[in-house]
PDB file of all heavy atoms in Angstrom:
ATOM      1  N   ASP A   1      17.741  10.973   0.385  1.00  0.00           N
ATOM      2  CA  ASP A   1      18.408  10.031   1.282  1.00  0.00           C
ATOM      3  C   ASP A   1      17.737   8.666   1.215  1.00  0.00           C
ATOM      4  O   ASP A   1      18.403   7.625   1.290  1.00  0.00           O
ATOM      5  CB  ASP A   1      18.395  10.561   2.719  1.00  0.00           C
ATOM      6  CG  ASP A   1      19.465  11.619   2.964  1.00  0.00           C
ATOM      7  OD1 ASP A   1      20.071  12.074   1.977  1.00  0.00           O
ATOM      8  OD2 ASP A   1      19.690  11.990   4.126  1.00  0.00           O
ATOM      9  N   MET A   2      16.409   8.661   1.095  1.00  0.00           N
ATOM     10  CA  MET A   2      15.700   7.394   0.955  1.00  0.00           C
ATOM     11  C   MET A   2      16.155   6.661  -0.301  1.00  0.00           C
ATOM     12  O   MET A   2      16.375   5.450  -0.294  1.00  0.00           O
ATOM     13  CB  MET A   2      14.188   7.629   0.880  1.00  0.00           C
ATOM     14  CG  MET A   2      13.372   6.359   0.644  1.00  0.00           C
ATOM     15  SD  MET A   2      11.680   6.699   0.132  1.00  0.00           S
ATOM     16  CE  MET A   2      11.929   7.225  -1.582  1.00  0.00           C
ATOM     17  N   GLN A   3      16.339   7.407  -1.398  1.00  0.00           N
ATOM     18  CA  GLN A   3      16.705   6.805  -2.671  1.00  0.00           C
ATOM     19  C   GLN A   3      18.115   6.224  -2.656  1.00  0.00           C
ATOM     20  O   GLN A   3      18.349   5.128  -3.182  1.00  0.00           O
ATOM     21  CB  GLN A   3      16.602   7.848  -3.791  1.00  0.00           C
ATOM     22  CG  GLN A   3      15.182   8.252  -4.153  1.00  0.00           C
ATOM     23  CD  GLN A   3      14.586   7.317  -5.193  1.00  0.00           C
ATOM     24  OE1 GLN A   3      14.278   6.167  -4.896  1.00  0.00           O
ATOM     25  NE2 GLN A   3      14.433   7.812  -6.398  1.00  0.00           N
ATOM     26  N   VAL A   4      19.077   6.943  -2.094  1.00  0.00           N
ATOM     27  CA  VAL A   4      20.478   6.535  -2.227  1.00  0.00           C
ATOM     28  C   VAL A   4      21.026   5.864  -0.974  1.00  0.00           C
ATOM     29  O   VAL A   4      22.205   5.548  -0.900  1.00  0.00           O
ATOM     30  CB  VAL A   4      21.372   7.748  -2.596  1.00  0.00           C
ATOM     31  CG1 VAL A   4      20.889   8.390  -3.880  1.00  0.00           C
ATOM     32  CG2 VAL A   4      21.398   8.781  -1.463  1.00  0.00           C
ATOM     33  N   SER A   5      20.179   5.602   0.013  1.00  0.00           N
ATOM     34  CA  SER A   5      20.652   4.994   1.256  1.00  0.00           C
ATOM     35  C   SER A   5      20.946   3.517   1.063  1.00  0.00           C
ATOM     36  O   SER A   5      20.278   2.815   0.304  1.00  0.00           O
ATOM     37  CB  SER A   5      19.589   5.170   2.352  1.00  0.00           C
ATOM     38  OG  SER A   5      19.959   4.451   3.521  1.00  0.00           O
ATOM     39  N   GLY A   6      21.956   3.025   1.782  1.00  0.00           N
ATOM     40  CA  GLY A   6      22.212   1.596   1.822  1.00  0.00           C
ATOM     41  C   GLY A   6      21.274   0.874   2.767  1.00  0.00           C
ATOM     42  O   GLY A   6      21.282  -0.348   2.868  1.00  0.00           O
ATOM     43  N   HIS A   7      20.448   1.652   3.478  1.00  0.00           N
ATOM     44  CA  HIS A   7      19.503   1.109   4.433  1.00  0.00           C
ATOM     45  C   HIS A   7      18.291   0.515   3.705  1.00  0.00           C
ATOM     46  O   HIS A   7      17.916   0.976   2.630  1.00  0.00           O
ATOM     47  CB  HIS A   7      19.040   2.239   5.367  1.00  0.00           C
ATOM     48  CG  HIS A   7      18.303   1.772   6.574  1.00  0.00           C
ATOM     49  ND1 HIS A   7      17.417   2.567   7.258  1.00  0.00           N
ATOM     50  CD2 HIS A   7      18.301   0.578   7.224  1.00  0.00           C
ATOM     51  CE1 HIS A   7      16.913   1.905   8.285  1.00  0.00           C
ATOM     52  NE2 HIS A   7      17.440   0.694   8.277  1.00  0.00           N
ATOM     53  N   THR A   8      17.671  -0.492   4.294  1.00  0.00           N
ATOM     54  CA  THR A   8      16.509  -1.127   3.667  1.00  0.00           C
ATOM     55  C   THR A   8      15.242  -0.365   4.042  1.00  0.00           C
ATOM     56  O   THR A   8      14.510  -0.736   4.956  1.00  0.00           O
ATOM     57  CB  THR A   8      16.382  -2.597   4.115  1.00  0.00           C
ATOM     58  OG1 THR A   8      16.507  -2.671   5.550  1.00  0.00           O
ATOM     59  CG2 THR A   8      17.458  -3.432   3.495  1.00  0.00           C
ATOM     60  N   GLU A   9      14.981   0.723   3.332  1.00  0.00           N
ATOM     61  CA  GLU A   9      13.815   1.545   3.624  1.00  0.00           C
ATOM     62  C   GLU A   9      13.047   1.824   2.350  1.00  0.00           C
ATOM     63  O   GLU A   9      13.597   1.785   1.246  1.00  0.00           O
ATOM     64  CB  GLU A   9      14.234   2.860   4.287  1.00  0.00           C
ATOM     65  CG  GLU A   9      15.256   3.644   3.489  1.00  0.00           C
ATOM     66  CD  GLU A   9      15.935   4.713   4.313  1.00  0.00           C
ATOM     67  OE1 GLU A   9      15.693   4.785   5.521  1.00  0.00           O
ATOM     68  OE2 GLU A   9      16.715   5.488   3.738  1.00  0.00           O
ATOM     69  N   ALA A  10      11.746   2.079   2.509  1.00  0.00           N
ATOM     70  CA  ALA A  10      10.874   2.257   1.348  1.00  0.00           C
ATOM     71  C   ALA A  10       9.664   3.085   1.757  1.00  0.00           C
ATOM     72  O   ALA A  10       9.299   3.129   2.944  1.00  0.00           O
ATOM     73  CB  ALA A  10      10.427   0.895   0.809  1.00  0.00           C
ATOM     74  N   PRO A  11       9.015   3.749   0.794  1.00  0.00           N
ATOM     75  CA  PRO A  11       7.825   4.544   1.123  1.00  0.00           C
ATOM     76  C   PRO A  11       6.603   3.662   1.350  1.00  0.00           C
ATOM     77  O   PRO A  11       6.339   2.724   0.590  1.00  0.00           O
ATOM     78  CB  PRO A  11       7.652   5.433  -0.117  1.00  0.00           C
ATOM     79  CG  PRO A  11       8.279   4.666  -1.229  1.00  0.00           C
ATOM     80  CD  PRO A  11       9.408   3.888  -0.617  1.00  0.00           C
ATOM     81  N   LEU A  12       5.859   3.982   2.390  1.00  0.00           N
ATOM     82  CA  LEU A  12       4.596   3.317   2.698  1.00  0.00           C
ATOM     83  C   LEU A  12       3.474   4.314   2.446  1.00  0.00           C
ATOM     84  O   LEU A  12       3.472   5.422   2.993  1.00  0.00           O
ATOM     85  CB  LEU A  12       4.580   2.864   4.163  1.00  0.00           C
ATOM     86  CG  LEU A  12       3.259   2.341   4.738  1.00  0.00           C
ATOM     87  CD1 LEU A  12       2.794   1.091   4.008  1.00  0.00           C
ATOM     88  CD2 LEU A  12       3.406   2.068   6.240  1.00  0.00           C
ATOM     89  N   ILE A  13       2.510   3.928   1.590  1.00  0.00           N
ATOM     90  CA  ILE A  13       1.385   4.789   1.237  1.00  0.00           C
ATOM     91  C   ILE A  13       0.190   4.407   2.106  1.00  0.00           C
ATOM     92  O   ILE A  13      -0.247   3.256   2.109  1.00  0.00           O
ATOM     93  CB  ILE A  13       1.005   4.636  -0.250  1.00  0.00           C
ATOM     94  CG1 ILE A  13       2.209   4.945  -1.157  1.00  0.00           C
ATOM     95  CG2 ILE A  13      -0.171   5.536  -0.607  1.00  0.00           C
ATOM     96  CD1 ILE A  13       1.975   4.603  -2.622  1.00  0.00           C
ATOM     97  N   LEU A  14      -0.351   5.384   2.846  1.00  0.00           N
ATOM     98  CA  LEU A  14      -1.529   5.182   3.696  1.00  0.00           C
ATOM     99  C   LEU A  14      -2.679   6.009   3.122  1.00  0.00           C
ATOM    100  O   LEU A  14      -2.533   7.214   2.925  1.00  0.00           O
ATOM    101  CB  LEU A  14      -1.239   5.619   5.133  1.00  0.00           C
ATOM    102  CG  LEU A  14      -0.017   4.980   5.811  1.00  0.00           C
ATOM    103  CD1 LEU A  14       0.223   5.615   7.183  1.00  0.00           C
ATOM    104  CD2 LEU A  14      -0.195   3.479   5.954  1.00  0.00           C
ATOM    105  N   VAL A  15      -3.800   5.366   2.862  1.00  0.00           N
ATOM    106  CA  VAL A  15      -4.922   6.024   2.185  1.00  0.00           C
ATOM    107  C   VAL A  15      -6.120   6.117   3.119  1.00  0.00           C
ATOM    108  O   VAL A  15      -6.458   5.157   3.810  1.00  0.00           O
ATOM    109  CB  VAL A  15      -5.319   5.255   0.908  1.00  0.00           C
ATOM    110  CG1 VAL A  15      -6.424   5.997   0.161  1.00  0.00           C
ATOM    111  CG2 VAL A  15      -4.102   5.054   0.008  1.00  0.00           C
ATOM    112  N   ASN A  16      -6.747   7.283   3.135  1.00  0.00           N
ATOM    113  CA  ASN A  16      -7.952   7.513   3.941  1.00  0.00           C
ATOM    114  C   ASN A  16      -9.044   8.146   3.095  1.00  0.00           C
ATOM    115  O   ASN A  16      -8.766   8.872   2.137  1.00  0.00           O
ATOM    116  CB  ASN A  16      -7.659   8.439   5.120  1.00  0.00           C
ATOM    117  CG  ASN A  16      -7.018   7.723   6.295  1.00  0.00           C
ATOM    118  OD1 ASN A  16      -5.828   7.879   6.549  1.00  0.00           O
ATOM    119  ND2 ASN A  16      -7.809   6.944   7.015  1.00  0.00           N
ATOM    120  N   GLY A  17     -10.288   7.893   3.477  1.00  0.00           N
ATOM    121  CA  GLY A  17     -11.424   8.540   2.841  1.00  0.00           C
ATOM    122  C   GLY A  17     -12.073   7.700   1.766  1.00  0.00           C
ATOM    123  O   GLY A  17     -11.650   6.576   1.470  1.00  0.00           O
ATOM    124  N   PRO A  18     -13.128   8.240   1.135  1.00  0.00           N
ATOM    125  CA  PRO A  18     -13.914   7.495   0.144  1.00  0.00           C
ATOM    126  C   PRO A  18     -13.123   7.020  -1.064  1.00  0.00           C
ATOM    127  O   PRO A  18     -13.527   6.069  -1.733  1.00  0.00           O
ATOM    128  CB  PRO A  18     -14.987   8.507  -0.271  1.00  0.00           C
ATOM    129  CG  PRO A  18     -15.063   9.486   0.844  1.00  0.00           C
ATOM    130  CD  PRO A  18     -13.692   9.573   1.414  1.00  0.00           C
ATOM    131  N   ILE A  19     -11.998   7.661  -1.373  1.00  0.00           N
ATOM    132  CA  ILE A  19     -11.214   7.258  -2.541  1.00  0.00           C
ATOM    133  C   ILE A  19     -10.764   5.818  -2.422  1.00  0.00           C
ATOM    134  O   ILE A  19     -10.595   5.123  -3.435  1.00  0.00           O
ATOM    135  CB  ILE A  19      -9.988   8.187  -2.733  1.00  0.00           C
ATOM    136  CG1 ILE A  19      -9.274   7.881  -4.063  1.00  0.00           C
ATOM    137  CG2 ILE A  19      -9.018   8.056  -1.573  1.00  0.00           C
ATOM    138  CD1 ILE A  19     -10.079   8.139  -5.287  1.00  0.00           C
ATOM    139  N   ALA A  20     -10.574   5.324  -1.206  1.00  0.00           N
ATOM    140  CA  ALA A  20     -10.086   3.952  -1.028  1.00  0.00           C
ATOM    141  C   ALA A  20     -11.050   2.953  -1.658  1.00  0.00           C
ATOM    142  O   ALA A  20     -10.641   2.034  -2.378  1.00  0.00           O
ATOM    143  CB  ALA A  20      -9.885   3.655   0.451  1.00  0.00           C
ATOM    144  N   GLN A  21     -12.338   3.136  -1.407  1.00  0.00           N
ATOM    145  CA  GLN A  21     -13.325   2.226  -1.973  1.00  0.00           C
ATOM    146  C   GLN A  21     -13.452   2.428  -3.483  1.00  0.00           C
ATOM    147  O   GLN A  21     -13.536   1.456  -4.249  1.00  0.00           O
ATOM    148  CB  GLN A  21     -14.682   2.421  -1.297  1.00  0.00           C
ATOM    149  CG  GLN A  21     -15.740   1.426  -1.764  1.00  0.00           C
ATOM    150  CD  GLN A  21     -17.029   1.562  -0.970  1.00  0.00           C
ATOM    151  OE1 GLN A  21     -17.149   2.402  -0.073  1.00  0.00           O
ATOM    152  NE2 GLN A  21     -18.006   0.729  -1.288  1.00  0.00           N
ATOM    153  N   ARG A  22     -13.445   3.681  -3.932  1.00  0.00           N
ATOM    154  CA  ARG A  22     -13.578   3.944  -5.369  1.00  0.00           C
ATOM    155  C   ARG A  22     -12.394   3.392  -6.150  1.00  0.00           C
ATOM    156  O   ARG A  22     -12.530   2.972  -7.300  1.00  0.00           O
ATOM    157  CB  ARG A  22     -13.725   5.444  -5.616  1.00  0.00           C
ATOM    158  CG  ARG A  22     -15.065   6.006  -5.158  1.00  0.00           C
ATOM    159  CD  ARG A  22     -15.314   7.368  -5.772  1.00  0.00           C
ATOM    160  NE  ARG A  22     -14.480   8.402  -5.189  1.00  0.00           N
ATOM    161  CZ  ARG A  22     -14.813   9.141  -4.130  1.00  0.00           C
ATOM    162  NH1 ARG A  22     -15.979   8.938  -3.520  1.00  0.00           N
ATOM    163  NH2 ARG A  22     -13.993  10.073  -3.672  1.00  0.00           N
ATOM    164  N   ALA A  23     -11.232   3.397  -5.519  1.00  0.00           N
ATOM    165  CA  ALA A  23     -10.038   2.879  -6.183  1.00  0.00           C
ATOM    166  C   ALA A  23      -9.893   1.375  -6.035  1.00  0.00           C
ATOM    167  O   ALA A  23      -9.011   0.769  -6.652  1.00  0.00           O
ATOM    168  CB  ALA A  23      -8.791   3.570  -5.631  1.00  0.00           C
ATOM    169  N   GLY A  24     -10.737   0.761  -5.219  1.00  0.00           N
ATOM    170  CA  GLY A  24     -10.688  -0.685  -5.038  1.00  0.00           C
ATOM    171  C   GLY A  24      -9.590  -1.163  -4.124  1.00  0.00           C
ATOM    172  O   GLY A  24      -9.150  -2.319  -4.212  1.00  0.00           O
ATOM    173  N   ILE A  25      -9.129  -0.295  -3.208  1.00  0.00           N
ATOM    174  CA  ILE A  25      -8.036  -0.671  -2.311  1.00  0.00           C
ATOM    175  C   ILE A  25      -8.570  -1.577  -1.201  1.00  0.00           C
ATOM    176  O   ILE A  25      -9.533  -1.243  -0.515  1.00  0.00           O
ATOM    177  CB  ILE A  25      -7.377   0.580  -1.706  1.00  0.00           C
ATOM    178  CG1 ILE A  25      -6.820   1.465  -2.825  1.00  0.00           C
ATOM    179  CG2 ILE A  25      -6.261   0.193  -0.740  1.00  0.00           C
ATOM    180  CD1 ILE A  25      -6.298   2.811  -2.346  1.00  0.00           C
ATOM    181  N   ASN A  26      -7.925  -2.715  -1.024  1.00  0.00           N
ATOM    182  CA  ASN A  26      -8.324  -3.651   0.022  1.00  0.00           C
ATOM    183  C   ASN A  26      -7.850  -3.142   1.376  1.00  0.00           C
ATOM    184  O   ASN A  26      -6.672  -2.827   1.560  1.00  0.00           O
ATOM    185  CB  ASN A  26      -7.716  -5.034  -0.250  1.00  0.00           C
ATOM    186  CG  ASN A  26      -8.078  -6.049   0.826  1.00  0.00           C
ATOM    187  OD1 ASN A  26      -9.070  -5.896   1.534  1.00  0.00           O
ATOM    188  ND2 ASN A  26      -7.279  -7.096   0.942  1.00  0.00           N
ATOM    189  N   CYS A  27      -8.770  -3.062   2.336  1.00  0.00           N
ATOM    190  CA  CYS A  27      -8.390  -2.665   3.699  1.00  0.00           C
ATOM    191  C   CYS A  27      -8.739  -3.768   4.687  1.00  0.00           C
ATOM    192  O   CYS A  27      -8.807  -3.533   5.890  1.00  0.00           O
ATOM    193  CB  CYS A  27      -9.067  -1.352   4.094  1.00  0.00           C
ATOM    194  SG  CYS A  27     -10.870  -1.423   4.123  1.00  0.00           S
ATOM    195  N   GLY A  28      -8.988  -4.974   4.172  1.00  0.00           N
ATOM    196  CA  GLY A  28      -9.348  -6.090   5.028  1.00  0.00           C
ATOM    197  C   GLY A  28      -8.251  -7.135   5.087  1.00  0.00           C
ATOM    198  O   GLY A  28      -7.053  -6.816   5.078  1.00  0.00           O
ATOM    199  N   THR A  29      -8.651  -8.392   5.137  1.00  0.00           N
ATOM    200  CA  THR A  29      -7.714  -9.495   5.293  1.00  0.00           C
ATOM    201  C   THR A  29      -6.668  -9.509   4.187  1.00  0.00           C
ATOM    202  O   THR A  29      -6.979  -9.300   3.020  1.00  0.00           O
ATOM    203  CB  THR A  29      -8.479 -10.829   5.288  1.00  0.00           C
ATOM    204  OG1 THR A  29      -9.435 -10.808   6.357  1.00  0.00           O
ATOM    205  CG2 THR A  29      -7.543 -12.003   5.490  1.00  0.00           C
ATOM    206  N   SER A  30      -5.412  -9.722   4.576  1.00  0.00           N
ATOM    207  CA  SER A  30      -4.280  -9.841   3.646  1.00  0.00           C
ATOM    208  C   SER A  30      -4.079  -8.598   2.798  1.00  0.00           C
ATOM    209  O   SER A  30      -3.652  -8.669   1.648  1.00  0.00           O
ATOM    210  CB  SER A  30      -4.469 -11.054   2.727  1.00  0.00           C
ATOM    211  OG  SER A  30      -3.292 -11.327   2.000  1.00  0.00           O
ATOM    212  N   ALA A  31      -4.341  -7.422   3.391  1.00  0.00           N
ATOM    213  CA  ALA A  31      -4.316  -6.178   2.615  1.00  0.00           C
ATOM    214  C   ALA A  31      -2.944  -5.850   2.037  1.00  0.00           C
ATOM    215  O   ALA A  31      -2.848  -5.107   1.064  1.00  0.00           O
ATOM    216  CB  ALA A  31      -4.801  -5.010   3.480  1.00  0.00           C
ATOM    217  N   MET A  32      -1.869  -6.371   2.632  1.00  0.00           N
ATOM    218  CA  MET A  32      -0.535  -6.096   2.101  1.00  0.00           C
ATOM    219  C   MET A  32       0.050  -7.307   1.395  1.00  0.00           C
ATOM    220  O   MET A  32       1.249  -7.333   1.103  1.00  0.00           O
ATOM    221  CB  MET A  32       0.401  -5.640   3.226  1.00  0.00           C
ATOM    222  CG  MET A  32      -0.008  -4.319   3.845  1.00  0.00           C
ATOM    223  SD  MET A  32       1.253  -3.622   4.916  1.00  0.00           S
ATOM    224  CE  MET A  32       2.431  -3.032   3.709  1.00  0.00           C
ATOM    225  N   GLY A  33      -0.789  -8.304   1.103  1.00  0.00           N
ATOM    226  CA  GLY A  33      -0.290  -9.517   0.486  1.00  0.00           C
ATOM    227  C   GLY A  33      -0.593  -9.582  -0.996  1.00  0.00           C
ATOM    228  O   GLY A  33      -1.114  -8.639  -1.589  1.00  0.00           O
ATOM    229  N   PRO A  34      -0.271 -10.726  -1.608  1.00  0.00           N
ATOM    230  CA  PRO A  34      -0.564 -10.914  -3.023  1.00  0.00           C
ATOM    231  C   PRO A  34      -2.017 -11.308  -3.228  1.00  0.00           C
ATOM    232  O   PRO A  34      -2.732 -11.614  -2.281  1.00  0.00           O
ATOM    233  CB  PRO A  34       0.374 -12.067  -3.407  1.00  0.00           C
ATOM    234  CG  PRO A  34       0.495 -12.864  -2.151  1.00  0.00           C
ATOM    235  CD  PRO A  34       0.449 -11.868  -1.020  1.00  0.00           C
ATOM    236  N   GLY A  35      -2.445 -11.305  -4.472  1.00  0.00           N
ATOM    237  CA  GLY A  35      -3.793 -11.758  -4.790  1.00  0.00           C
ATOM    238  C   GLY A  35      -4.597 -10.731  -5.555  1.00  0.00           C
ATOM    239  O   GLY A  35      -4.315  -9.525  -5.504  1.00  0.00           O
ATOM    240  N   VAL A  36      -5.608 -11.212  -6.243  1.00  0.00           N
ATOM    241  CA  VAL A  36      -6.459 -10.340  -7.047  1.00  0.00           C
ATOM    242  C   VAL A  36      -7.143  -9.290  -6.189  1.00  0.00           C
ATOM    243  O   VAL A  36      -7.314  -8.137  -6.608  1.00  0.00           O
ATOM    244  CB  VAL A  36      -7.500 -11.178  -7.815  1.00  0.00           C
ATOM    245  CG1 VAL A  36      -8.481 -10.275  -8.554  1.00  0.00           C
ATOM    246  CG2 VAL A  36      -6.806 -12.113  -8.801  1.00  0.00           C
ATOM    247  N   VAL A  37      -7.532  -9.663  -4.968  1.00  0.00           N
ATOM    248  CA  VAL A  37      -8.226  -8.718  -4.105  1.00  0.00           C
ATOM    249  C   VAL A  37      -7.349  -7.508  -3.773  1.00  0.00           C
ATOM    250  O   VAL A  37      -7.837  -6.444  -3.404  1.00  0.00           O
ATOM    251  CB  VAL A  37      -8.702  -9.424  -2.810  1.00  0.00           C
ATOM    252  CG1 VAL A  37      -7.518  -9.776  -1.914  1.00  0.00           C
ATOM    253  CG2 VAL A  37      -9.687  -8.551  -2.040  1.00  0.00           C
ATOM    254  N   ASN A  38      -6.046  -7.679  -3.914  1.00  0.00           N
ATOM    255  CA  ASN A  38      -5.102  -6.600  -3.603  1.00  0.00           C
ATOM    256  C   ASN A  38      -4.524  -5.949  -4.860  1.00  0.00           C
ATOM    257  O   ASN A  38      -3.469  -5.318  -4.794  1.00  0.00           O
ATOM    258  CB  ASN A  38      -3.945  -7.147  -2.753  1.00  0.00           C
ATOM    259  CG  ASN A  38      -4.399  -7.621  -1.405  1.00  0.00           C
ATOM    260  OD1 ASN A  38      -5.272  -7.007  -0.799  1.00  0.00           O
ATOM    261  ND2 ASN A  38      -3.839  -8.717  -0.929  1.00  0.00           N
ATOM    262  N   SER A  39      -5.192  -6.100  -5.993  1.00  0.00           N
ATOM    263  CA  SER A  39      -4.614  -5.583  -7.235  1.00  0.00           C
ATOM    264  C   SER A  39      -4.396  -4.073  -7.181  1.00  0.00           C
ATOM    265  O   SER A  39      -3.392  -3.561  -7.698  1.00  0.00           O
ATOM    266  CB  SER A  39      -5.495  -5.951  -8.428  1.00  0.00           C
ATOM    267  OG  SER A  39      -6.796  -5.403  -8.281  1.00  0.00           O
TER     268      SER A  39
END
């Protein structure tokens, strides 16, 4: 339903635990924005 819906919806990925730091995921300022820090 998410895939074929005419509604504007999308999956949001929430990450917890040490993997966030190992993967380089930004959890600070502008975490959902553009920029190298958010690669």
